[in-house]
Amino acid sequence: MPWAKDIYSVTNQSKASLLFDVLNSLSSYTQKRQNNAESVYAHAQLFSPQHLRNFIEQYGTVKIRIYGFVIRNKLLIWLSPFWDFLLRLVGRKKDAFIAVELQL
């Protein structure tokens, strides 16, 4: 991540936080979307939670939350928040998105 070296100059503070969201490479949903040439995912760079943590923890304290369970049946999409909550309780690591808080 080329922006990582400029974190301190962008925040201009010693106790700042940087929040961002990336696509999870462990997610089968994300991988399938990336294989579709017409998808916005086709040119995206994917990260696993551990790869991302290893890459940025040198810049501060990292907190990671994985979320975004996607139900493939459109009639049941309203259940997604409920399933997302349950899967986070059991520690699932393969949902579509990774939210990161980097405390400098």
C-alpha atoms as a PDB file:
ATOM      1  CA  MET A   1       0.000   0.000   0.000  1.00  0.00           C
ATOM      2  CA  PRO A   2       1.818   3.085  -1.205  1.00  0.00           C
ATOM      3  CA  TRP A   3      -0.241   5.400   1.026  1.00  0.00           C
ATOM      4  CA  ALA A   4       1.063   3.793   4.221  1.00  0.00           C
ATOM      5  CA  LYS A   5       4.273   5.849   4.228  1.00  0.00           C
ATOM      6  CA  ASP A   6       2.278   9.077   4.113  1.00  0.00           C
ATOM      7  CA  ILE A   7      -0.075   8.305   6.999  1.00  0.00           C
ATOM      8  CA  TYR A   8       1.614  10.625   9.478  1.00  0.00           C
ATOM      9  CA  SER A   9       1.786  13.552   7.079  1.00  0.00           C
ATOM     10  CA  VAL A  10      -1.883  13.153   6.123  1.00  0.00           C
ATOM     11  CA  THR A  11      -3.179  12.976   9.675  1.00  0.00           C
ATOM     12  CA  ASN A  12      -0.606  15.421  11.018  1.00  0.00           C
ATOM     13  CA  GLN A  13      -1.296  14.047  14.507  1.00  0.00           C
ATOM     14  CA  SER A  14       0.484  11.555  16.702  1.00  0.00           C
ATOM     15  CA  LYS A  15      -2.755  10.035  18.079  1.00  0.00           C
ATOM     16  CA  ALA A  16      -4.974   9.779  15.042  1.00  0.00           C
ATOM     17  CA  SER A  17      -6.961   6.885  13.610  1.00  0.00           C
ATOM     18  CA  LEU A  18      -7.359   5.869  10.017  1.00  0.00           C
ATOM     19  CA  LEU A  19     -10.476   3.888   9.027  1.00  0.00           C
ATOM     20  CA  PHE A  20     -10.779   1.979   5.775  1.00  0.00           C
ATOM     21  CA  ASP A  21     -12.497  -0.959   4.174  1.00  0.00           C
ATOM     22  CA  VAL A  22     -11.056  -3.570   1.785  1.00  0.00           C
ATOM     23  CA  LEU A  23     -12.289  -6.643  -0.055  1.00  0.00           C
ATOM     24  CA  ASN A  24     -11.601  -9.972   1.638  1.00  0.00           C
ATOM     25  CA  SER A  25      -9.616 -12.434  -0.509  1.00  0.00           C
ATOM     26  CA  LEU A  26     -10.951 -15.340   1.594  1.00  0.00           C
ATOM     27  CA  SER A  27     -14.537 -14.663   0.548  1.00  0.00           C
ATOM     28  CA  SER A  28     -15.905 -16.953  -2.159  1.00  0.00           C
ATOM     29  CA  TYR A  29     -18.437 -14.213  -2.995  1.00  0.00           C
ATOM     30  CA  THR A  30     -15.671 -11.672  -3.621  1.00  0.00           C
ATOM     31  CA  GLN A  31     -13.578 -14.155  -5.615  1.00  0.00           C
ATOM     32  CA  LYS A  32     -16.506 -15.019  -7.903  1.00  0.00           C
ATOM     33  CA  ARG A  33     -17.281 -11.341  -8.483  1.00  0.00           C
ATOM     34  CA  GLN A  34     -13.616 -10.658  -9.281  1.00  0.00           C
ATOM     35  CA  ASN A  35     -13.627 -13.375 -11.946  1.00  0.00           C
ATOM     36  CA  ASN A  36     -16.451 -11.595 -13.784  1.00  0.00           C
ATOM     37  CA  ALA A  37     -14.760  -9.195 -16.238  1.00  0.00           C
ATOM     38  CA  GLU A  38     -17.760  -6.827 -16.180  1.00  0.00           C
ATOM     39  CA  SER A  39     -17.757  -6.481 -12.389  1.00  0.00           C
ATOM     40  CA  VAL A  40     -16.265  -3.529 -10.509  1.00  0.00           C
ATOM     41  CA  TYR A  41     -14.450  -6.210  -8.494  1.00  0.00           C
ATOM     42  CA  ALA A  42     -12.521  -7.351 -11.595  1.00  0.00           C
ATOM     43  CA  HIS A  43      -9.690  -4.852 -11.079  1.00  0.00           C
ATOM     44  CA  ALA A  44      -9.777  -4.731  -7.285  1.00  0.00           C
ATOM     45  CA  GLN A  45      -6.898  -5.802  -5.089  1.00  0.00           C
ATOM     46  CA  LEU A  46      -8.023  -8.330  -2.481  1.00  0.00           C
ATOM     47  CA  PHE A  47      -6.474  -8.863   0.962  1.00  0.00           C
ATOM     48  CA  SER A  48      -6.805 -11.563   3.593  1.00  0.00           C
ATOM     49  CA  PRO A  49      -7.235 -10.331   7.176  1.00  0.00           C
ATOM     50  CA  GLN A  50      -3.843 -11.709   8.224  1.00  0.00           C
ATOM     51  CA  HIS A  51      -2.010 -10.308   5.199  1.00  0.00           C
ATOM     52  CA  LEU A  52      -3.521  -6.900   5.821  1.00  0.00           C
ATOM     53  CA  ARG A  53      -2.655  -7.000   9.536  1.00  0.00           C
ATOM     54  CA  ASN A  54       0.944  -8.037   8.816  1.00  0.00           C
ATOM     55  CA  PHE A  55       1.291  -5.271   6.266  1.00  0.00           C
ATOM     56  CA  ILE A  56       0.029  -2.331   8.338  1.00  0.00           C
ATOM     57  CA  GLU A  57       0.683  -3.189  11.992  1.00  0.00           C
ATOM     58  CA  GLN A  58       4.116  -1.582  11.727  1.00  0.00           C
ATOM     59  CA  TYR A  59       2.305   1.781  11.572  1.00  0.00           C
ATOM     60  CA  GLY A  60       0.204   1.402  14.726  1.00  0.00           C
ATOM     61  CA  THR A  61      -2.431  -0.647  16.495  1.00  0.00           C
ATOM     62  CA  VAL A  62      -4.714  -2.530  14.129  1.00  0.00           C
ATOM     63  CA  LYS A  63      -8.330  -3.510  14.804  1.00  0.00           C
ATOM     64  CA  ILE A  64     -10.003  -5.653  12.175  1.00  0.00           C
ATOM     65  CA  ARG A  65     -13.669  -6.590  11.745  1.00  0.00           C
ATOM     66  CA  ILE A  66     -14.840  -8.925   9.017  1.00  0.00           C
ATOM     67  CA  TYR A  67     -18.406  -8.466   7.811  1.00  0.00           C
ATOM     68  CA  GLY A  68     -20.670  -8.603   4.813  1.00  0.00           C
ATOM     69  CA  PHE A  69     -22.261 -12.020   4.648  1.00  0.00           C
ATOM     70  CA  VAL A  70     -24.185 -12.059   1.385  1.00  0.00           C
ATOM     71  CA  ILE A  71     -27.191 -14.336   0.914  1.00  0.00           C
ATOM     72  CA  ARG A  72     -27.320 -15.440  -2.691  1.00  0.00           C
ATOM     73  CA  ASN A  73     -31.114 -15.808  -2.765  1.00  0.00           C
ATOM     74  CA  LYS A  74     -32.549 -12.352  -3.439  1.00  0.00           C
ATOM     75  CA  LEU A  75     -35.829 -13.220  -1.720  1.00  0.00           C
ATOM     76  CA  LEU A  76     -33.936 -13.805   1.539  1.00  0.00           C
ATOM     77  CA  ILE A  77     -31.629 -10.764   1.354  1.00  0.00           C
ATOM     78  CA  TRP A  78     -33.464  -9.199   4.292  1.00  0.00           C
ATOM     79  CA  LEU A  79     -31.905 -11.920   6.488  1.00  0.00           C
ATOM     80  CA  SER A  80     -28.345 -10.799   5.717  1.00  0.00           C
ATOM     81  CA  PRO A  81     -27.898  -8.561   8.804  1.00  0.00           C
ATOM     82  CA  PHE A  82     -29.089 -11.367  11.071  1.00  0.00           C
ATOM     83  CA  TRP A  83     -26.729 -13.939   9.490  1.00  0.00           C
ATOM     84  CA  ASP A  84     -23.882 -11.423   9.497  1.00  0.00           C
ATOM     85  CA  PHE A  85     -24.332 -10.943  13.256  1.00  0.00           C
ATOM     86  CA  LEU A  86     -24.455 -14.691  13.961  1.00  0.00           C
ATOM     87  CA  LEU A  87     -21.386 -15.410  11.841  1.00  0.00           C
ATOM     88  CA  ARG A  88     -19.391 -12.711  13.634  1.00  0.00           C
ATOM     89  CA  LEU A  89     -20.284 -14.370  16.958  1.00  0.00           C
ATOM     90  CA  VAL A  90     -18.689 -17.625  15.801  1.00  0.00           C
ATOM     91  CA  GLY A  91     -15.619 -15.876  14.385  1.00  0.00           C
ATOM     92  CA  ARG A  92     -16.154 -16.439  10.670  1.00  0.00           C
ATOM     93  CA  LYS A  93     -13.269 -14.963   8.614  1.00  0.00           C
ATOM     94  CA  LYS A  94     -14.590 -15.412   5.070  1.00  0.00           C
ATOM     95  CA  ASP A  95     -17.169 -12.664   4.643  1.00  0.00           C
ATOM     96  CA  ALA A  96     -16.872 -10.181   1.800  1.00  0.00           C
ATOM     97  CA  PHE A  97     -15.353  -7.120   3.517  1.00  0.00           C
ATOM     98  CA  ILE A  98     -12.684  -6.215   6.034  1.00  0.00           C
ATOM     99  CA  ALA A  99     -13.076  -3.033   8.069  1.00  0.00           C
ATOM    100  CA  VAL A 100      -9.842  -1.743   9.577  1.00  0.00           C
ATOM    101  CA  GLU A 101      -9.068   0.842  12.210  1.00  0.00           C
ATOM    102  CA  LEU A 102      -5.420   1.814  12.374  1.00  0.00           C
ATOM    103  CA  GLN A 103      -4.577   3.771  15.532  1.00  0.00           C
ATOM    104  CA  LEU A 104      -1.362   5.681  14.948  1.00  0.00           C
END
